[in-house]
Amino acid sequence: MTTRPGDARPTALQVIQDEGLEGKLADKLIFITGVSSGIGIETAKALSVTGATIYLAARNLDKAREHLGENSPHVHLFELDLASLTSVRACAEKVLSQTKKINIFIANAGIMAYPEGQTADGFETQFGTNHLGHFLLFQLVRPALLAAATPESNSRAVILASIAHRGSEVVFDNYNLKGEYKRWRAYSQSKTANLWTANEFDRRYSGQGLRAFSVQPGGIKTGLLQYMSEEEQNGLTSAPGLAPQFKSPEQGAATSTWGAVSKSLDGMGGRYLEDVQIAKAYDAAEGQWAPGYAPHAYSPEKEKKLWELSLKLVGVEN
């Protein structure tokens, strides 16, 4: 088997087919962020085959419509800028005005290797966008996720992390990285925050029928690379050990889709998923780009600390 985009590795649509879910989720509602490009679009396309009602949020609605359209009565678009907590609140309010139940929430949107800057609320851009924006959105739509949960069918939250989480834990005493900004460290910190948040979500709400997973989608050449130079992009896609792991967008959406719907994950949560399976611990002996999660990926004490800090930063009471 080759290991290039278009090879035998599963696509998001194949996950749906393998699960036997074509047309079988007509009574469900799925909410996905970041659907104006890349794997967000492919995730939405695959899940739409299930017959579920699909709520899609994007900063650029024109791009989302270009790729997905809005002609289906089952597809609804919402404007969302995760770099603005005001926009997050407005999006959540609009969503909740139209539904009281959400079965699946997929936090797909994100930015990578962004130049140093601040969100509208004064947070380092990657931490504020990738983590805090999604964290607030989850807190606001959480009642709808809990309302949809039943003993027979738990609700699920899927948060996209990255192999990059291995590059940095959350820097609690300087999460804005003032005076020491490095764009890859900032990205890594935000992805660890995503992973820790999924773990803490699951810990807090699994008893109420809401399970959460984090996902490493894999290397995909999408708009996520837009802040990298052409030389940097070529370096990634030609690096020995990394280049063979690059996937097509359809393949990159497979693990998110699997985490959202697979029956094999029923009754489970708080797991880091990779390559359409539960990931193992990273073994440095297998090389820099080998799969697996870092030793700091599971840390209940730090996950709780991040949760409490994030509640304070976004202005929400627990």
C-alpha atoms as a PDB file:
ATOM      1  CA  MET A   1       0.000   0.000   0.000  1.00  0.00           C
ATOM      2  CA  THR A   2       1.296   3.451  -0.846  1.00  0.00           C
ATOM      3  CA  THR A   3       1.212   6.200   1.747  1.00  0.00           C
ATOM      4  CA  ARG A   4       0.240   9.293  -0.206  1.00  0.00           C
ATOM      5  CA  PRO A   5      -2.995  11.275  -0.538  1.00  0.00           C
ATOM      6  CA  GLY A   6      -5.399   9.112  -2.509  1.00  0.00           C
ATOM      7  CA  ASP A   7      -4.064   5.804  -1.209  1.00  0.00           C
ATOM      8  CA  ALA A   8      -5.946   3.116   0.710  1.00  0.00           C
ATOM      9  CA  ARG A   9      -6.158   4.996   4.012  1.00  0.00           C
ATOM     10  CA  PRO A  10      -9.817   5.633   4.879  1.00  0.00           C
ATOM     11  CA  THR A  11     -11.694   8.796   4.012  1.00  0.00           C
ATOM     12  CA  ALA A  12     -14.413  10.396   6.109  1.00  0.00           C
ATOM     13  CA  LEU A  13     -17.079   9.097   3.736  1.00  0.00           C
ATOM     14  CA  GLN A  14     -15.706   5.556   4.025  1.00  0.00           C
ATOM     15  CA  VAL A  15     -15.984   5.835   7.802  1.00  0.00           C
ATOM     16  CA  ILE A  16     -19.684   6.661   7.439  1.00  0.00           C
ATOM     17  CA  GLN A  17     -20.156   3.755   5.050  1.00  0.00           C
ATOM     18  CA  ASP A  18     -18.237   1.325   7.250  1.00  0.00           C
ATOM     19  CA  GLU A  19     -20.392   2.344  10.221  1.00  0.00           C
ATOM     20  CA  GLY A  20     -23.535   1.743   8.138  1.00  0.00           C
ATOM     21  CA  LEU A  21     -24.805   5.251   8.870  1.00  0.00           C
ATOM     22  CA  GLU A  22     -25.950   6.466   5.470  1.00  0.00           C
ATOM     23  CA  GLY A  23     -29.346   8.060   6.086  1.00  0.00           C
ATOM     24  CA  LYS A  24     -29.447   6.669   9.651  1.00  0.00           C
ATOM     25  CA  LEU A  25     -28.997   9.864  11.722  1.00  0.00           C
ATOM     26  CA  ALA A  26     -31.986  11.855  10.530  1.00  0.00           C
ATOM     27  CA  ASP A  27     -33.002  12.527  14.134  1.00  0.00           C
ATOM     28  CA  LYS A  28     -29.581  13.958  15.100  1.00  0.00           C
ATOM     29  CA  LEU A  29     -28.066  17.437  14.935  1.00  0.00           C
ATOM     30  CA  ILE A  30     -24.351  17.979  14.326  1.00  0.00           C
ATOM     31  CA  PHE A  31     -22.562  21.302  14.890  1.00  0.00           C
ATOM     32  CA  ILE A  32     -19.146  21.807  13.204  1.00  0.00           C
ATOM     33  CA  THR A  33     -16.827  24.830  13.266  1.00  0.00           C
ATOM     34  CA  GLY A  34     -14.353  25.818  10.555  1.00  0.00           C
ATOM     35  CA  VAL A  35     -16.167  24.798   7.393  1.00  0.00           C
ATOM     36  CA  SER A  36     -14.870  27.317   4.879  1.00  0.00           C
ATOM     37  CA  SER A  37     -11.950  25.140   3.741  1.00  0.00           C
ATOM     38  CA  GLY A  38      -9.937  21.975   4.286  1.00  0.00           C
ATOM     39  CA  ILE A  39     -10.994  19.070   6.440  1.00  0.00           C
ATOM     40  CA  GLY A  40     -13.925  20.973   7.916  1.00  0.00           C
ATOM     41  CA  ILE A  41     -15.621  20.851   4.532  1.00  0.00           C
ATOM     42  CA  GLU A  42     -14.880  17.158   4.079  1.00  0.00           C
ATOM     43  CA  THR A  43     -16.130  16.377   7.579  1.00  0.00           C
ATOM     44  CA  ALA A  44     -19.371  18.220   6.860  1.00  0.00           C
ATOM     45  CA  LYS A  45     -19.825  16.513   3.489  1.00  0.00           C
ATOM     46  CA  ALA A  46     -19.371  13.051   4.976  1.00  0.00           C
ATOM     47  CA  LEU A  47     -21.662  13.642   7.938  1.00  0.00           C
ATOM     48  CA  SER A  48     -24.360  15.131   5.734  1.00  0.00           C
ATOM     49  CA  VAL A  49     -24.709  11.685   4.146  1.00  0.00           C
ATOM     50  CA  THR A  50     -26.094  10.432   7.467  1.00  0.00           C
ATOM     51  CA  GLY A  51     -29.227  12.547   6.998  1.00  0.00           C
ATOM     52  CA  ALA A  52     -28.499  14.525  10.178  1.00  0.00           C
ATOM     53  CA  THR A  53     -29.271  18.210  10.443  1.00  0.00           C
ATOM     54  CA  ILE A  54     -25.930  19.971  10.060  1.00  0.00           C
ATOM     55  CA  TYR A  55     -25.103  23.318  11.676  1.00  0.00           C
ATOM     56  CA  LEU A  56     -21.920  24.775  10.200  1.00  0.00           C
ATOM     57  CA  ALA A  57     -20.004  27.755  11.556  1.00  0.00           C
ATOM     58  CA  ALA A  58     -17.345  29.709   9.676  1.00  0.00           C
ATOM     59  CA  ARG A  59     -15.746  33.124   9.682  1.00  0.00           C
ATOM     60  CA  ASN A  60     -16.141  33.406   5.905  1.00  0.00           C
ATOM     61  CA  LEU A  61     -19.667  32.335   4.993  1.00  0.00           C
ATOM     62  CA  ASP A  62     -19.164  33.085   1.297  1.00  0.00           C
ATOM     63  CA  LYS A  63     -16.350  30.512   1.128  1.00  0.00           C
ATOM     64  CA  ALA A  64     -18.470  28.017   3.037  1.00  0.00           C
ATOM     65  CA  ARG A  65     -21.367  28.472   0.628  1.00  0.00           C
ATOM     66  CA  GLU A  66     -19.015  28.147  -2.327  1.00  0.00           C
ATOM     67  CA  HIS A  67     -17.909  24.709  -1.155  1.00  0.00           C
ATOM     68  CA  LEU A  68     -21.052  23.429   0.537  1.00  0.00           C
ATOM     69  CA  GLY A  69     -24.011  25.454  -0.621  1.00  0.00           C
ATOM     70  CA  GLU A  70     -26.985  26.150   1.576  1.00  0.00           C
ATOM     71  CA  ASN A  71     -29.717  24.679  -0.549  1.00  0.00           C
ATOM     72  CA  SER A  72     -30.365  21.628   1.585  1.00  0.00           C
ATOM     73  CA  PRO A  73     -32.994  22.119   4.275  1.00  0.00           C
ATOM     74  CA  HIS A  74     -30.704  20.081   6.539  1.00  0.00           C
ATOM     75  CA  VAL A  75     -27.708  22.443   6.280  1.00  0.00           C
ATOM     76  CA  HIS A  76     -27.570  25.745   8.183  1.00  0.00           C
ATOM     77  CA  LEU A  77     -24.681  28.243   8.209  1.00  0.00           C
ATOM     78  CA  PHE A  78     -23.666  30.502  11.085  1.00  0.00           C
ATOM     79  CA  GLU A  79     -21.079  33.245  11.197  1.00  0.00           C
ATOM     80  CA  LEU A  80     -18.316  32.637  13.748  1.00  0.00           C
ATOM     81  CA  ASP A  81     -15.020  34.401  14.383  1.00  0.00           C
ATOM     82  CA  LEU A  82     -13.260  32.475  17.148  1.00  0.00           C
ATOM     83  CA  ALA A  83     -10.828  35.351  17.649  1.00  0.00           C
ATOM     84  CA  SER A  84     -13.703  37.393  19.092  1.00  0.00           C
ATOM     85  CA  LEU A  85     -15.557  36.253  22.198  1.00  0.00           C
ATOM     86  CA  THR A  86     -18.364  38.620  21.204  1.00  0.00           C
ATOM     87  CA  SER A  87     -18.714  36.739  17.917  1.00  0.00           C
ATOM     88  CA  VAL A  88     -18.651  33.407  19.765  1.00  0.00           C
ATOM     89  CA  ARG A  89     -21.473  34.517  22.040  1.00  0.00           C
ATOM     90  CA  ALA A  90     -23.511  35.818  19.097  1.00  0.00           C
ATOM     91  CA  CYS A  91     -23.072  32.539  17.206  1.00  0.00           C
ATOM     92  CA  ALA A  92     -24.070  30.441  20.216  1.00  0.00           C
ATOM     93  CA  GLU A  93     -27.114  32.615  20.824  1.00  0.00           C
ATOM     94  CA  LYS A  94     -28.251  32.199  17.232  1.00  0.00           C
ATOM     95  CA  VAL A  95     -27.663  28.448  17.278  1.00  0.00           C
ATOM     96  CA  LEU A  96     -29.586  28.010  20.523  1.00  0.00           C
ATOM     97  CA  SER A  97     -32.443  30.111  19.188  1.00  0.00           C
ATOM     98  CA  GLN A  98     -32.919  27.437  16.525  1.00  0.00           C
ATOM     99  CA  THR A  99     -32.306  24.233  18.478  1.00  0.00           C
ATOM    100  CA  LYS A 100     -32.319  23.032  22.057  1.00  0.00           C
ATOM    101  CA  LYS A 101     -30.482  19.786  21.326  1.00  0.00           C
ATOM    102  CA  ILE A 102     -27.067  19.137  19.776  1.00  0.00           C
ATOM    103  CA  ASN A 103     -25.945  15.538  19.486  1.00  0.00           C
ATOM    104  CA  ILE A 104     -22.424  16.053  18.160  1.00  0.00           C
ATOM    105  CA  PHE A 105     -20.124  19.080  18.432  1.00  0.00           C
ATOM    106  CA  ILE A 106     -16.902  19.147  16.379  1.00  0.00           C
ATOM    107  CA  ALA A 107     -14.412  21.919  17.168  1.00  0.00           C
ATOM    108  CA  ASN A 108     -12.589  21.809  13.853  1.00  0.00           C
ATOM    109  CA  ALA A 109     -11.572  25.424  13.185  1.00  0.00           C
ATOM    110  CA  GLY A 110      -8.073  26.641  13.862  1.00  0.00           C
ATOM    111  CA  ILE A 111      -5.030  28.621  12.789  1.00  0.00           C
ATOM    112  CA  MET A 112      -1.370  27.577  12.726  1.00  0.00           C
ATOM    113  CA  ALA A 113       2.039  29.287  12.851  1.00  0.00           C
ATOM    114  CA  TYR A 114       0.334  32.672  13.051  1.00  0.00           C
ATOM    115  CA  PRO A 115       2.497  35.812  13.360  1.00  0.00           C
ATOM    116  CA  GLU A 116       2.552  37.330  16.825  1.00  0.00           C
ATOM    117  CA  GLY A 117      -0.633  39.235  17.552  1.00  0.00           C
ATOM    118  CA  GLN A 118      -3.710  39.473  19.728  1.00  0.00           C
ATOM    119  CA  THR A 119      -7.351  38.522  19.438  1.00  0.00           C
ATOM    120  CA  ALA A 120     -10.085  41.099  19.824  1.00  0.00           C
ATOM    121  CA  ASP A 121     -10.013  40.340  23.555  1.00  0.00           C
ATOM    122  CA  GLY A 122      -6.265  40.733  23.989  1.00  0.00           C
ATOM    123  CA  PHE A 123      -5.168  37.089  24.022  1.00  0.00           C
ATOM    124  CA  GLU A 124      -2.277  35.646  22.039  1.00  0.00           C
ATOM    125  CA  THR A 125      -3.906  34.864  18.705  1.00  0.00           C
ATOM    126  CA  GLN A 126      -3.405  31.099  18.509  1.00  0.00           C
ATOM    127  CA  PHE A 127      -4.254  30.431  22.159  1.00  0.00           C
ATOM    128  CA  GLY A 128      -7.249  32.756  21.923  1.00  0.00           C
ATOM    129  CA  THR A 129      -8.576  31.361  18.650  1.00  0.00           C
ATOM    130  CA  ASN A 130      -7.793  27.662  18.858  1.00  0.00           C
ATOM    131  CA  HIS A 131      -8.497  27.236  22.557  1.00  0.00           C
ATOM    132  CA  LEU A 132     -10.428  30.045  24.242  1.00  0.00           C
ATOM    133  CA  GLY A 133     -12.884  30.651  21.389  1.00  0.00           C
ATOM    134  CA  HIS A 134     -13.835  26.994  21.264  1.00  0.00           C
ATOM    135  CA  PHE A 135     -13.806  26.697  25.051  1.00  0.00           C
ATOM    136  CA  LEU A 136     -16.385  29.477  25.367  1.00  0.00           C
ATOM    137  CA  LEU A 137     -18.480  28.074  22.518  1.00  0.00           C
ATOM    138  CA  PHE A 138     -18.598  24.698  24.230  1.00  0.00           C
ATOM    139  CA  GLN A 139     -19.622  26.235  27.533  1.00  0.00           C
ATOM    140  CA  LEU A 140     -22.476  28.081  25.830  1.00  0.00           C
ATOM    141  CA  VAL A 141     -23.848  25.139  23.822  1.00  0.00           C
ATOM    142  CA  ARG A 142     -23.195  22.566  26.558  1.00  0.00           C
ATOM    143  CA  PRO A 143     -26.854  22.622  27.758  1.00  0.00           C
ATOM    144  CA  ALA A 144     -27.966  21.553  24.278  1.00  0.00           C
ATOM    145  CA  LEU A 145     -25.412  18.734  24.217  1.00  0.00           C
ATOM    146  CA  LEU A 146     -26.570  17.514  27.611  1.00  0.00           C
ATOM    147  CA  ALA A 147     -30.225  17.816  26.588  1.00  0.00           C
ATOM    148  CA  ALA A 148     -29.601  15.547  23.596  1.00  0.00           C
ATOM    149  CA  ALA A 149     -27.878  12.811  25.607  1.00  0.00           C
ATOM    150  CA  THR A 150     -29.744   9.615  26.410  1.00  0.00           C
ATOM    151  CA  PRO A 151     -28.593   6.377  28.069  1.00  0.00           C
ATOM    152  CA  GLU A 152     -28.765   4.696  24.668  1.00  0.00           C
ATOM    153  CA  SER A 153     -26.997   7.495  22.755  1.00  0.00           C
ATOM    154  CA  ASN A 154     -24.490   9.754  24.437  1.00  0.00           C
ATOM    155  CA  SER A 155     -23.694  13.161  22.983  1.00  0.00           C
ATOM    156  CA  ARG A 156     -20.143  13.664  21.758  1.00  0.00           C
ATOM    157  CA  ALA A 157     -17.686  16.550  21.560  1.00  0.00           C
ATOM    158  CA  VAL A 158     -14.701  16.170  19.237  1.00  0.00           C
ATOM    159  CA  ILE A 159     -11.897  18.713  19.514  1.00  0.00           C
ATOM    160  CA  LEU A 160      -9.119  18.813  16.948  1.00  0.00           C
ATOM    161  CA  ALA A 161      -5.668  18.789  18.497  1.00  0.00           C
ATOM    162  CA  SER A 162      -2.437  18.029  16.638  1.00  0.00           C
ATOM    163  CA  ILE A 163       0.816  16.107  16.769  1.00  0.00           C
ATOM    164  CA  ALA A 164       2.203  19.567  17.562  1.00  0.00           C
ATOM    165  CA  HIS A 165       0.880  19.267  21.119  1.00  0.00           C
ATOM    166  CA  ARG A 166       4.135  17.442  21.802  1.00  0.00           C
ATOM    167  CA  GLY A 167       6.009  20.732  21.392  1.00  0.00           C
ATOM    168  CA  SER A 168       4.744  22.549  24.467  1.00  0.00           C
ATOM    169  CA  GLU A 169       2.541  22.297  27.502  1.00  0.00           C
ATOM    170  CA  VAL A 170       0.364  25.265  28.451  1.00  0.00           C
ATOM    171  CA  VAL A 171       2.541  28.045  29.834  1.00  0.00           C
ATOM    172  CA  PHE A 172       0.332  28.963  32.774  1.00  0.00           C
ATOM    173  CA  ASP A 173       2.416  31.891  34.001  1.00  0.00           C
ATOM    174  CA  ASN A 174       2.675  33.426  30.509  1.00  0.00           C
ATOM    175  CA  TYR A 175       0.001  31.925  28.256  1.00  0.00           C
ATOM    176  CA  ASN A 176       0.178  35.019  26.004  1.00  0.00           C
ATOM    177  CA  LEU A 177       3.929  34.337  25.595  1.00  0.00           C
ATOM    178  CA  LYS A 178       4.749  38.011  26.119  1.00  0.00           C
ATOM    179  CA  GLY A 179       8.407  38.666  25.475  1.00  0.00           C
ATOM    180  CA  GLU A 180       9.041  35.084  24.379  1.00  0.00           C
ATOM    181  CA  TYR A 181       6.756  34.529  21.406  1.00  0.00           C
ATOM    182  CA  LYS A 182       7.587  31.760  19.003  1.00  0.00           C
ATOM    183  CA  ARG A 183       4.829  30.881  16.577  1.00  0.00           C
ATOM    184  CA  TRP A 184       5.327  27.111  16.738  1.00  0.00           C
ATOM    185  CA  ARG A 185       5.482  27.108  20.502  1.00  0.00           C
ATOM    186  CA  ALA A 186       2.273  29.146  20.544  1.00  0.00           C
ATOM    187  CA  TYR A 187       0.607  26.669  18.206  1.00  0.00           C
ATOM    188  CA  SER A 188       1.803  23.705  20.267  1.00  0.00           C
ATOM    189  CA  GLN A 189       0.521  25.300  23.469  1.00  0.00           C
ATOM    190  CA  SER A 190      -2.905  25.845  21.894  1.00  0.00           C
ATOM    191  CA  LYS A 191      -3.084  22.239  20.746  1.00  0.00           C
ATOM    192  CA  THR A 192      -2.170  20.908  24.183  1.00  0.00           C
ATOM    193  CA  ALA A 193      -4.940  23.157  25.498  1.00  0.00           C
ATOM    194  CA  ASN A 194      -7.358  21.537  23.034  1.00  0.00           C
ATOM    195  CA  LEU A 195      -6.318  18.060  24.143  1.00  0.00           C
ATOM    196  CA  TRP A 196      -6.520  18.875  27.854  1.00  0.00           C
ATOM    197  CA  THR A 197      -9.897  20.532  27.360  1.00  0.00           C
ATOM    198  CA  ALA A 198     -11.359  17.424  25.720  1.00  0.00           C
ATOM    199  CA  ASN A 199     -10.088  15.306  28.601  1.00  0.00           C
ATOM    200  CA  GLU A 200     -11.591  17.637  31.193  1.00  0.00           C
ATOM    201  CA  PHE A 201     -14.894  17.930  29.291  1.00  0.00           C
ATOM    202  CA  ASP A 202     -15.187  14.171  29.425  1.00  0.00           C
ATOM    203  CA  ARG A 203     -14.221  13.960  33.075  1.00  0.00           C
ATOM    204  CA  ARG A 204     -16.837  16.520  34.099  1.00  0.00           C
ATOM    205  CA  TYR A 205     -19.778  15.475  31.928  1.00  0.00           C
ATOM    206  CA  SER A 206     -19.432  11.781  31.121  1.00  0.00           C
ATOM    207  CA  GLY A 207     -21.767  11.008  34.003  1.00  0.00           C
ATOM    208  CA  GLN A 208     -24.438  13.083  32.265  1.00  0.00           C
ATOM    209  CA  GLY A 209     -24.054  11.337  28.930  1.00  0.00           C
ATOM    210  CA  LEU A 210     -21.613  13.707  27.206  1.00  0.00           C
ATOM    211  CA  ARG A 211     -18.322  12.183  26.034  1.00  0.00           C
ATOM    212  CA  ALA A 212     -15.370  14.041  24.532  1.00  0.00           C
ATOM    213  CA  PHE A 213     -12.381  13.132  22.376  1.00  0.00           C
ATOM    214  CA  SER A 214      -9.373  14.960  20.972  1.00  0.00           C
ATOM    215  CA  VAL A 215      -8.172  14.227  17.454  1.00  0.00           C
ATOM    216  CA  GLN A 216      -4.885  14.377  15.588  1.00  0.00           C
ATOM    217  CA  PRO A 217      -6.100  14.579  11.967  1.00  0.00           C
ATOM    218  CA  GLY A 218      -2.663  14.116  10.392  1.00  0.00           C
ATOM    219  CA  GLY A 219      -0.702  16.245   7.961  1.00  0.00           C
ATOM    220  CA  ILE A 220      -2.926  17.782   5.301  1.00  0.00           C
ATOM    221  CA  LYS A 221      -1.875  20.500   2.886  1.00  0.00           C
ATOM    222  CA  THR A 222      -4.739  22.945   3.360  1.00  0.00           C
ATOM    223  CA  GLY A 223      -5.242  26.617   4.145  1.00  0.00           C
ATOM    224  CA  LEU A 224      -3.911  25.889   7.615  1.00  0.00           C
ATOM    225  CA  LEU A 225      -0.429  26.262   6.093  1.00  0.00           C
ATOM    226  CA  GLN A 226      -1.071  29.769   4.747  1.00  0.00           C
ATOM    227  CA  TYR A 227       1.198  31.480   7.297  1.00  0.00           C
ATOM    228  CA  MET A 228       4.161  29.316   6.332  1.00  0.00           C
ATOM    229  CA  SER A 229       6.533  30.271   3.542  1.00  0.00           C
ATOM    230  CA  GLU A 230       6.662  28.132   0.416  1.00  0.00           C
ATOM    231  CA  GLU A 231      10.072  26.917   1.541  1.00  0.00           C
ATOM    232  CA  GLU A 232       8.673  25.861   4.919  1.00  0.00           C
ATOM    233  CA  GLN A 233       5.739  24.082   3.308  1.00  0.00           C
ATOM    234  CA  ASN A 234       8.010  22.225   0.913  1.00  0.00           C
ATOM    235  CA  GLY A 235      10.228  21.272   3.828  1.00  0.00           C
ATOM    236  CA  LEU A 236       7.292  19.677   5.623  1.00  0.00           C
ATOM    237  CA  THR A 237       5.954  17.823   2.634  1.00  0.00           C
ATOM    238  CA  SER A 238       9.384  16.460   1.692  1.00  0.00           C
ATOM    239  CA  ALA A 239      10.729  15.620   5.163  1.00  0.00           C
ATOM    240  CA  PRO A 240      11.656  11.931   5.430  1.00  0.00           C
ATOM    241  CA  GLY A 241       9.337  10.285   7.917  1.00  0.00           C
ATOM    242  CA  LEU A 242       6.764  13.084   7.671  1.00  0.00           C
ATOM    243  CA  ALA A 243       6.102  13.340   3.947  1.00  0.00           C
ATOM    244  CA  PRO A 244       4.605   9.822   3.700  1.00  0.00           C
ATOM    245  CA  GLN A 245       2.123  10.701   6.434  1.00  0.00           C
ATOM    246  CA  PHE A 246       0.466  13.553   4.521  1.00  0.00           C
ATOM    247  CA  LYS A 247      -3.149  12.870   3.713  1.00  0.00           C
ATOM    248  CA  SER A 248      -5.772  14.202   1.375  1.00  0.00           C
ATOM    249  CA  PRO A 249      -8.428  16.435   3.001  1.00  0.00           C
ATOM    250  CA  GLU A 250     -10.902  13.555   2.680  1.00  0.00           C
ATOM    251  CA  GLN A 251      -8.519  11.290   4.597  1.00  0.00           C
ATOM    252  CA  GLY A 252      -7.696  14.034   7.082  1.00  0.00           C
ATOM    253  CA  ALA A 253     -11.376  14.277   8.011  1.00  0.00           C
ATOM    254  CA  ALA A 254     -11.650  10.543   8.713  1.00  0.00           C
ATOM    255  CA  THR A 255     -10.539  10.508  12.351  1.00  0.00           C
ATOM    256  CA  SER A 256     -12.787  13.433  13.300  1.00  0.00           C
ATOM    257  CA  THR A 257     -15.701  11.663  11.670  1.00  0.00           C
ATOM    258  CA  TRP A 258     -14.834   8.383  13.362  1.00  0.00           C
ATOM    259  CA  GLY A 259     -14.624  10.095  16.741  1.00  0.00           C
ATOM    260  CA  ALA A 260     -18.015  11.668  16.167  1.00  0.00           C
ATOM    261  CA  VAL A 261     -19.990   8.568  15.168  1.00  0.00           C
ATOM    262  CA  SER A 262     -18.167   5.271  15.635  1.00  0.00           C
ATOM    263  CA  LYS A 263     -20.093   2.684  17.623  1.00  0.00           C
ATOM    264  CA  SER A 264     -16.757   1.244  18.752  1.00  0.00           C
ATOM    265  CA  LEU A 265     -16.296   4.335  20.953  1.00  0.00           C
ATOM    266  CA  ASP A 266     -19.642   4.007  22.723  1.00  0.00           C
ATOM    267  CA  GLY A 267     -19.197   4.349  26.467  1.00  0.00           C
ATOM    268  CA  MET A 268     -15.719   5.807  26.038  1.00  0.00           C
ATOM    269  CA  GLY A 269     -14.214   9.286  26.163  1.00  0.00           C
ATOM    270  CA  GLY A 270     -11.218  11.308  27.221  1.00  0.00           C
ATOM    271  CA  ARG A 271      -9.068   9.666  24.545  1.00  0.00           C
ATOM    272  CA  TYR A 272      -6.678  11.107  21.969  1.00  0.00           C
ATOM    273  CA  LEU A 273      -7.505   9.670  18.533  1.00  0.00           C
ATOM    274  CA  GLU A 274      -5.148   9.309  15.597  1.00  0.00           C
ATOM    275  CA  ASP A 275      -5.342   7.489  12.256  1.00  0.00           C
ATOM    276  CA  VAL A 276      -8.891   6.265  12.971  1.00  0.00           C
ATOM    277  CA  GLN A 277      -7.915   4.562  16.209  1.00  0.00           C
ATOM    278  CA  ILE A 278      -7.150   5.349  19.833  1.00  0.00           C
ATOM    279  CA  ALA A 279      -3.594   6.657  19.871  1.00  0.00           C
ATOM    280  CA  LYS A 280      -0.736   5.089  21.769  1.00  0.00           C
ATOM    281  CA  ALA A 281       1.982   6.881  23.735  1.00  0.00           C
ATOM    282  CA  TYR A 282       4.715   8.437  21.602  1.00  0.00           C
ATOM    283  CA  ASP A 283       7.958   6.493  21.459  1.00  0.00           C
ATOM    284  CA  ALA A 284      10.887   8.768  20.572  1.00  0.00           C
ATOM    285  CA  ALA A 285      12.846   5.738  19.390  1.00  0.00           C
ATOM    286  CA  GLU A 286      10.439   5.532  16.447  1.00  0.00           C
ATOM    287  CA  GLY A 287      11.502   8.937  15.156  1.00  0.00           C
ATOM    288  CA  GLN A 288      10.469  12.587  15.442  1.00  0.00           C
ATOM    289  CA  TRP A 289       7.266  12.189  13.422  1.00  0.00           C
ATOM    290  CA  ALA A 290       6.127   8.849  14.786  1.00  0.00           C
ATOM    291  CA  PRO A 291       2.508   8.780  15.987  1.00  0.00           C
ATOM    292  CA  GLY A 292       1.452   8.978  19.593  1.00  0.00           C
ATOM    293  CA  TYR A 293       0.757  11.378  22.421  1.00  0.00           C
ATOM    294  CA  ALA A 294       3.261  13.181  24.647  1.00  0.00           C
ATOM    295  CA  PRO A 295       3.723  12.282  28.326  1.00  0.00           C
ATOM    296  CA  HIS A 296       1.941  15.513  29.299  1.00  0.00           C
ATOM    297  CA  ALA A 297      -1.168  14.670  27.226  1.00  0.00           C
ATOM    298  CA  TYR A 298      -2.999  13.185  30.193  1.00  0.00           C
ATOM    299  CA  SER A 299      -2.680  15.281  33.333  1.00  0.00           C
ATOM    300  CA  PRO A 300      -5.856  15.643  35.432  1.00  0.00           C
ATOM    301  CA  GLU A 301      -4.266  18.278  37.659  1.00  0.00           C
ATOM    302  CA  LYS A 302      -3.177  20.485  34.756  1.00  0.00           C
ATOM    303  CA  GLU A 303      -6.412  19.861  32.856  1.00  0.00           C
ATOM    304  CA  LYS A 304      -8.380  21.141  35.841  1.00  0.00           C
ATOM    305  CA  LYS A 305      -6.045  24.118  36.207  1.00  0.00           C
ATOM    306  CA  LEU A 306      -6.518  25.040  32.533  1.00  0.00           C
ATOM    307  CA  TRP A 307     -10.293  24.652  32.843  1.00  0.00           C
ATOM    308  CA  GLU A 308     -10.456  27.012  35.794  1.00  0.00           C
ATOM    309  CA  LEU A 309      -8.134  29.535  34.136  1.00  0.00           C
ATOM    310  CA  SER A 310     -10.146  29.405  30.906  1.00  0.00           C
ATOM    311  CA  LEU A 311     -13.446  29.987  32.704  1.00  0.00           C
ATOM    312  CA  LYS A 312     -11.929  33.111  34.214  1.00  0.00           C
ATOM    313  CA  LEU A 313     -10.500  34.346  30.916  1.00  0.00           C
ATOM    314  CA  VAL A 314     -13.766  33.972  28.976  1.00  0.00           C
ATOM    315  CA  GLY A 315     -15.899  35.312  31.814  1.00  0.00           C
ATOM    316  CA  VAL A 316     -18.021  32.246  32.524  1.00  0.00           C
ATOM    317  CA  GLU A 317     -18.899  30.785  35.915  1.00  0.00           C
ATOM    318  CA  ASN A 318     -18.573  27.023  36.284  1.00  0.00           C
END
